[in-house]
């Protein structure tokens, strides 16, 4: 797929994800309007909208046609956003810029940023559960379990916990892989698996998609480690070199840049091979996986 076509298709899918997300954002009113403003500021700060795009593409690829996926698309982006808000806090990474603009705590203060993250987590639960309004089925219930497991102690929060506990000291490659696969990869895996489950895909296809998504998520985070070494704040829109500054073990620091690049390629090709083996393929999804692996920001 050439650059022009891919850019147009990605823009179309991202704009759809943005429109879906906007439908579920709360009005900035009432005595709690400050936290709502902070929540909406965080969500509207841009980004790739990768997780809802992956979810919807997998949903469509496996035969989904109803609007049941939309609340889950919005919910997973709320979860991802709340994790970034909390990740940027002084008690964690203490970053003042993300996506080229001030982080939530830098604008609204630390206490309000903490509450904004909490609010987005609660709103994600409420939003995803609203799928029962249009389809009361076991598929929706299972999708809820997958989504919030990926966000919780066996997913993103579990990975973040290991990351915090290993901050400032050298960890082994097994620990780094655990952190990467849970902190970043679990939500990507949840996104694609939820899409397939909501579409009613057979179990063998759900398994293939989940395995491919896990590889995409791991490769994505290794690429982040690479960019932290090779890119710049101007390109990424956030500080670089923070891993080295914080004495944090990364895939690059443990395995070297050349090995990291090679493993990103191998993980990605394995993921694409899995997706290509399915009865119904998405050329866009396979191309997106490759472009995520070789992105420069």
Foldseek 3Di string as FASTA:
>chain_A
DDPVVLVVVLVVLQVVLVVLLVVLQDDQDDPCNLLSVLLVCLLPLDDSLVLLSLLQVLLVLQAHDDPLCSLVSNLLSLLVSLVVLVCCAPVHLVWQWASQHGHSCVPRNRVSSNVSSVVSNVSSLVSLVCSCVVPVDVLSVVLSVLQVCCSDCVAQVVLVVLQVVCWLHEDDPVNQLSNQLGNFQSSQLSSSLSSNSVSVHDPVLSVLSSLLSSLLSSLLVLVVVLLLPVPQCVVRRTHHPSCVVRVHDHCCVHPNNVVSLVSSVVSLVSSLVSQVPDPGHDPSSNVVSVCSNVDND
